Amino acid sequence: MFENDPVLTCCALTSCTDVIAVLSEFAGTFMFLLFAFGGTNTVNSAPLEGRSENLAANPSKLVFICLCFGMSLAVNAWTFFRISGGLFNPAVSIGMMVVGARTKVTYVRGILIIIAQILGAIAASAVVYALQPDGFNVLTRLGGSTTVVQGLFMEMFLTMQLVFTIFMLAAEKHRGTFIAPIGIGLSLFIAELMGVYYTGGSLNPARSFGPCVVAGKFDGYHWIYWVGPILGALVASAFYVLIKTLEYETVNPEQDYDTPTRKTPLVSSRGGPDSSGDPRPHDPPENEPYAGGPELEAGRSSA
């Protein structure tokens, strides 16, 4: 129908990829949080006999919750990585929008993806609430004597670490890109180890918002689970853009040889980390320059 009109053809393809990205983020966020919430609710609602429900006094329970989130993210990010990038987090999506401003990623698509992630979180919360009969205990709350300010900055720093990990392992092309979801899942795991007891370990506005909607309970400090992760994503984005601008590839030029003919794009046209090309490790051809190096070398030779 659009064969003779390249503008309409382009619009149709863009709309199609937008729909695919949005559906993928909804499904991926739903699956990620379904298993993360399900496992967390299981251990929170049915504590083992003779053990305290206080996470500080029950490290095995804390580690179990951390594993639920880390492993669920790793598996589902790996599953959906080739479709939308496997973001599943409004804070990560905002970070991708910031660093992808010079690519084909539009802010409209980013906003649609964020809406899909929030809806996916609500849907996952509703399913866990309906399926598990022993209560619904997955809300993020400040623990111990943690103040609101402490919780805010803890969420910021934990999310900053997660988002920067995503940039360096998934957005960048290198020998380990094909196992990036494992590193990202481990990043969430270690962040949860530090944050679960004190803030609930959100790092994700949708993760905190979904359960609150289903439970109908919003604490007065709920806003920290939006502001903290978004601030963390912005800090990580700023640092990533800085080191890309300074051409960090030149610091350790023989580290990667995966994309020698072009600089690594920040994000793909579908809104997530660029996953084009062959991310698997391979030996560099003889005399091949380092990744992202050709343009730099050309500039030096002309100087």
Protein backbone atom coordinates (compact mmCIF):
# COMPACT_ATOMS: atom_id res chain seq x y z
CA MET A 1 0.00 0.00 0.00
CA PHE A 2 2.93 2.33 0.74
CA GLU A 3 5.19 1.09 -2.05
CA ASN A 4 5.20 4.41 -3.94
CA ASP A 5 5.44 6.70 -0.94
CA PRO A 6 8.69 6.37 1.04
CA VAL A 7 7.44 8.76 3.74
CA LEU A 8 4.37 6.64 4.47
CA THR A 9 6.47 3.50 4.29
CA CYS A 10 8.89 4.90 6.87
CA CYS A 11 6.02 5.96 9.14
CA ALA A 12 4.44 2.51 8.89
CA LEU A 13 7.70 0.76 9.77
CA THR A 14 8.33 3.15 12.66
CA SER A 15 4.85 2.58 14.05
CA CYS A 16 5.30 -1.17 13.74
CA THR A 17 8.61 -1.19 15.61
CA ASP A 18 7.12 1.08 18.27
CA VAL A 19 4.29 -1.37 18.83
CA ILE A 20 6.70 -4.32 19.00
CA ALA A 21 8.96 -2.50 21.48
CA VAL A 22 6.02 -1.50 23.68
CA LEU A 23 4.51 -4.99 23.69
CA SER A 24 7.91 -6.50 24.43
CA GLU A 25 8.51 -4.18 27.37
CA PHE A 26 5.05 -4.90 28.78
CA ALA A 27 5.53 -8.67 28.48
CA GLY A 28 9.12 -8.58 29.71
CA THR A 29 8.35 -6.40 32.71
CA PHE A 30 5.39 -8.62 33.54
CA MET A 31 7.46 -11.82 33.42
CA PHE A 32 10.41 -10.30 35.29
CA LEU A 33 8.28 -9.02 38.15
CA LEU A 34 5.90 -11.99 38.18
CA PHE A 35 8.69 -14.34 39.24
CA ALA A 36 10.50 -11.75 41.36
CA PHE A 37 7.31 -10.86 43.24
CA GLY A 38 6.17 -14.47 43.41
CA GLY A 39 9.39 -15.66 45.01
CA THR A 40 9.58 -12.69 47.35
CA ASN A 41 5.96 -13.05 48.43
CA THR A 42 6.47 -16.75 49.08
CA VAL A 43 9.28 -16.20 51.55
CA ASN A 44 7.69 -13.11 53.12
CA SER A 45 4.23 -14.61 53.55
CA ALA A 46 5.30 -18.04 54.78
CA PRO A 47 8.45 -17.63 56.90
CA LEU A 48 10.17 -20.77 58.05
CA GLU A 49 9.26 -21.89 61.56
CA GLY A 50 11.57 -20.64 64.25
CA ARG A 51 13.10 -17.90 62.15
CA SER A 52 12.61 -14.19 62.58
CA GLU A 53 10.76 -12.25 59.91
CA ASN A 54 13.30 -9.45 60.33
CA LEU A 55 15.62 -9.52 57.31
CA ALA A 56 18.55 -8.34 59.40
CA ALA A 57 18.16 -11.42 61.63
CA ASN A 58 17.48 -13.76 58.72
CA PRO A 59 20.21 -13.41 56.07
CA SER A 60 19.07 -16.52 54.19
CA LYS A 61 15.71 -14.85 53.59
CA LEU A 62 17.45 -11.69 52.40
CA VAL A 63 19.64 -13.62 49.95
CA PHE A 64 16.60 -15.52 48.68
CA ILE A 65 14.82 -12.26 47.83
CA CYS A 66 17.94 -10.88 46.14
CA LEU A 67 18.25 -14.03 44.05
CA CYS A 68 14.60 -13.81 43.02
CA PHE A 69 15.12 -10.38 41.52
CA GLY A 70 18.61 -10.91 40.12
CA MET A 71 17.89 -14.24 38.45
CA SER A 72 14.50 -13.16 37.13
CA LEU A 73 16.05 -10.07 35.56
CA ALA A 74 18.91 -12.07 34.03
CA VAL A 75 16.62 -14.65 32.43
CA ASN A 76 14.02 -12.23 31.12
CA ALA A 77 16.53 -9.61 29.98
CA TRP A 78 18.28 -12.35 28.01
CA THR A 79 14.94 -13.43 26.54
CA PHE A 80 13.80 -9.97 25.43
CA PHE A 81 17.22 -8.40 24.73
CA ARG A 82 16.98 -8.82 20.95
CA ILE A 83 13.51 -7.29 20.77
CA SER A 84 13.45 -4.16 22.90
CA GLY A 85 16.68 -4.35 24.87
CA GLY A 86 15.04 -5.83 27.97
CA LEU A 87 14.81 -2.60 29.96
CA PHE A 88 11.83 -3.34 32.28
CA ASN A 89 12.51 -0.20 34.30
CA PRO A 90 11.36 3.41 33.75
CA ALA A 91 14.62 4.72 35.23
CA VAL A 92 16.66 2.67 32.74
CA SER A 93 14.38 3.83 29.93
CA ILE A 94 14.95 7.46 30.89
CA GLY A 95 18.69 6.83 30.88
CA MET A 96 18.46 5.32 27.41
CA MET A 97 16.44 8.30 26.20
CA VAL A 98 19.13 10.65 27.51
CA VAL A 99 22.10 8.90 25.92
CA GLY A 100 20.14 8.06 22.78
CA ALA A 101 19.13 11.63 21.96
CA ARG A 102 21.33 11.62 18.86
CA THR A 103 19.96 8.35 17.48
CA LYS A 104 16.62 7.30 15.99
CA VAL A 105 15.15 6.80 19.45
CA THR A 106 12.29 9.23 20.01
CA TYR A 107 11.02 10.53 23.30
CA VAL A 108 7.54 9.45 22.26
CA ARG A 109 8.70 5.83 22.07
CA GLY A 110 10.46 6.16 25.40
CA ILE A 111 7.31 7.46 27.06
CA LEU A 112 5.25 4.63 25.55
CA ILE A 113 7.77 2.09 26.83
CA ILE A 114 7.63 3.57 30.33
CA ILE A 115 3.84 3.35 30.33
CA ALA A 116 4.09 -0.29 29.21
CA GLN A 117 6.54 -1.05 32.01
CA ILE A 118 4.26 0.47 34.64
CA LEU A 119 1.28 -1.48 33.31
CA GLY A 120 3.38 -4.66 33.26
CA ALA A 121 4.31 -4.12 36.91
CA ILE A 122 0.67 -3.60 37.88
CA ALA A 123 -0.35 -6.73 35.98
CA ALA A 124 2.38 -8.83 37.62
CA SER A 125 1.36 -7.55 41.05
CA ALA A 126 -2.28 -8.36 40.38
CA VAL A 127 -1.48 -11.92 39.27
CA VAL A 128 0.68 -12.60 42.35
CA TYR A 129 -2.02 -11.09 44.57
CA ALA A 130 -4.65 -13.33 42.97
CA LEU A 131 -2.63 -16.56 42.88
CA GLN A 132 -0.90 -16.63 46.26
CA PRO A 133 -3.34 -16.96 49.18
CA ASP A 134 -1.13 -16.14 52.17
CA GLY A 135 -0.92 -12.37 51.84
CA PHE A 136 0.71 -9.83 49.56
CA ASN A 137 4.04 -8.73 50.99
CA VAL A 138 6.14 -7.25 48.21
CA LEU A 139 5.78 -3.52 48.88
CA THR A 140 8.98 -1.50 49.19
CA ARG A 141 9.27 0.24 52.56
CA LEU A 142 12.03 1.83 54.59
CA GLY A 143 13.46 -0.58 57.11
CA GLY A 144 15.12 -0.20 60.48
CA SER A 145 15.83 3.41 61.35
CA THR A 146 16.41 4.47 57.73
CA THR A 147 15.40 8.09 57.13
CA VAL A 148 13.69 9.34 53.98
CA VAL A 149 16.84 11.18 52.89
CA GLN A 150 18.98 8.09 53.43
CA GLY A 151 16.51 6.00 51.48
CA LEU A 152 16.45 8.52 48.63
CA PHE A 153 20.21 8.57 48.18
CA MET A 154 20.56 4.83 48.65
CA GLU A 155 18.08 4.29 45.82
CA MET A 156 20.00 6.81 43.73
CA PHE A 157 23.39 5.16 44.16
CA LEU A 158 22.10 1.62 43.72
CA THR A 159 20.27 2.56 40.52
CA MET A 160 23.29 4.47 39.25
CA GLN A 161 25.37 1.32 39.50
CA LEU A 162 22.73 -0.78 37.74
CA VAL A 163 22.20 1.68 34.87
CA PHE A 164 25.91 2.16 34.24
CA THR A 165 26.33 -1.62 34.17
CA ILE A 166 23.63 -1.80 31.50
CA PHE A 167 25.36 0.89 29.44
CA MET A 168 28.76 -0.77 29.55
CA LEU A 169 27.65 -4.39 29.13
CA ALA A 170 24.65 -4.09 26.81
CA ALA A 171 24.88 -0.76 24.96
CA GLU A 172 28.58 -1.25 24.22
CA LYS A 173 29.76 -3.95 21.83
CA HIS A 174 32.58 -6.09 23.23
CA ARG A 175 33.59 -9.69 23.83
CA GLY A 176 31.15 -10.12 26.70
CA THR A 177 28.07 -8.55 25.12
CA PHE A 178 26.41 -11.89 24.48
CA ILE A 179 26.32 -12.61 28.23
CA ALA A 180 25.44 -9.05 29.23
CA PRO A 181 22.12 -10.13 30.83
CA ILE A 182 24.03 -12.26 33.33
CA GLY A 183 26.15 -9.30 34.38
CA ILE A 184 23.07 -7.10 34.60
CA GLY A 185 21.27 -9.68 36.74
CA LEU A 186 24.29 -9.93 39.03
CA SER A 187 24.38 -6.14 39.23
CA LEU A 188 20.80 -6.11 40.49
CA PHE A 189 21.62 -8.97 42.86
CA ILE A 190 24.46 -7.14 44.61
CA ALA A 191 22.41 -3.93 44.71
CA GLU A 192 19.58 -5.83 46.38
CA LEU A 193 22.00 -7.27 48.94
CA MET A 194 22.72 -3.74 50.10
CA GLY A 195 19.30 -2.20 49.65
CA VAL A 196 16.59 -4.74 50.48
CA TYR A 197 16.72 -4.29 54.25
CA TYR A 198 16.95 -0.50 54.21
CA THR A 199 14.66 0.55 51.32
CA GLY A 200 13.18 -2.66 49.96
CA GLY A 201 15.70 -2.50 47.11
CA SER A 202 13.49 -0.94 44.47
CA LEU A 203 15.86 0.61 41.87
CA ASN A 204 12.77 0.67 39.67
CA PRO A 205 9.76 3.01 39.95
CA ALA A 206 7.47 0.46 38.30
CA ARG A 207 8.55 -2.23 40.77
CA SER A 208 7.40 -0.03 43.67
CA PHE A 209 4.34 1.48 42.00
CA GLY A 210 2.69 -1.76 40.81
CA PRO A 211 2.31 -3.40 44.24
CA CYS A 212 1.09 -0.13 45.77
CA VAL A 213 -1.67 0.12 43.17
CA VAL A 214 -2.83 -3.46 43.76
CA ALA A 215 -2.60 -3.20 47.55
CA GLY A 216 -4.10 0.29 47.59
CA LYS A 217 -1.38 1.51 49.96
CA PHE A 218 0.98 4.40 49.28
CA ASP A 219 3.39 5.50 51.99
CA GLY A 220 4.05 9.22 52.35
CA TYR A 221 7.63 8.70 51.16
CA HIS A 222 6.66 6.67 48.07
CA TRP A 223 8.11 9.46 45.95
CA ILE A 224 11.67 8.42 46.82
CA TYR A 225 11.18 5.29 44.70
CA TRP A 226 10.70 7.55 41.69
CA VAL A 227 13.09 10.39 42.38
CA GLY A 228 15.96 8.23 43.66
CA PRO A 229 16.16 5.80 40.70
CA ILE A 230 15.64 8.58 38.14
CA LEU A 231 18.44 10.65 39.68
CA GLY A 232 20.67 7.58 39.64
CA ALA A 233 19.90 6.96 35.97
CA LEU A 234 20.68 10.58 35.09
CA VAL A 235 24.03 10.48 36.93
CA ALA A 236 24.96 7.22 35.19
CA SER A 237 23.91 8.68 31.83
CA ALA A 238 25.98 11.81 32.36
CA PHE A 239 29.09 9.80 33.24
CA TYR A 240 28.56 7.46 30.28
CA VAL A 241 28.19 10.36 27.85
CA LEU A 242 31.31 11.95 29.35
CA ILE A 243 33.54 8.92 28.86
CA LYS A 244 32.12 8.35 25.36
CA THR A 245 32.87 11.97 24.47
CA LEU A 246 36.40 11.54 25.80
CA GLU A 247 36.68 8.34 23.70
CA TYR A 248 37.41 5.96 26.54
CA GLU A 249 38.25 3.23 24.01
CA THR A 250 41.68 4.80 23.58
CA VAL A 251 42.64 4.13 27.21
CA ASN A 252 42.80 0.37 26.74
CA PRO A 253 42.82 0.03 22.93
CA GLU A 254 43.46 -3.71 22.68
CA GLN A 255 40.64 -4.69 25.02
CA ASP A 256 37.93 -5.21 22.39
CA TYR A 257 37.87 -5.95 18.68
CA ASP A 258 34.20 -6.62 18.15
CA THR A 259 33.20 -3.55 16.13
CA PRO A 260 36.35 -2.20 14.46
CA THR A 261 34.64 -0.41 11.58
CA ARG A 262 32.38 1.96 13.46
CA LYS A 263 31.79 3.51 16.85
CA THR A 264 29.28 1.77 19.06
CA PRO A 265 25.84 3.38 18.76
CA LEU A 266 24.38 4.31 22.11
CA VAL A 267 21.05 2.59 21.62
CA SER A 268 19.13 0.77 18.91
CA SER A 269 16.26 2.16 16.88
CA ARG A 270 13.85 0.15 19.04
CA GLY A 271 14.62 1.95 22.24
CA GLY A 272 17.01 -0.46 23.97
CA PRO A 273 20.72 -1.18 23.85
CA ASP A 274 21.89 -1.77 20.27
CA SER A 275 22.06 -5.53 19.67
CA SER A 276 22.91 -5.53 15.97
CA GLY A 277 25.85 -7.38 14.57
CA ASP A 278 27.64 -10.38 16.01
CA PRO A 279 28.40 -9.80 19.70
CA ARG A 280 30.18 -13.11 20.10
CA PRO A 281 33.91 -13.07 20.82
CA HIS A 282 36.26 -13.58 17.91
CA ASP A 283 39.92 -13.07 17.20
CA PRO A 284 40.81 -9.75 15.58
CA PRO A 285 42.22 -9.88 12.05
CA GLU A 286 45.87 -9.06 11.70
CA ASN A 287 46.60 -5.33 11.96
CA GLU A 288 42.97 -4.59 12.90
CA PRO A 289 42.54 -1.39 14.95
CA TYR A 290 40.73 -1.34 18.24
CA ALA A 291 36.97 -0.99 18.57
CA GLY A 292 35.81 2.50 17.73
CA GLY A 293 39.31 3.38 16.63
CA PRO A 294 39.19 4.01 12.86
CA GLU A 295 37.74 7.51 13.17
CA LEU A 296 40.26 8.43 15.84
CA GLU A 297 43.19 7.10 13.82
CA ALA A 298 42.00 8.98 10.76
CA GLY A 299 41.91 12.18 12.78
CA ARG A 300 45.45 11.63 14.01
CA SER A 301 46.85 10.93 10.57
CA SER A 302 45.33 14.12 9.20
CA ALA A 303 46.76 16.12 12.09
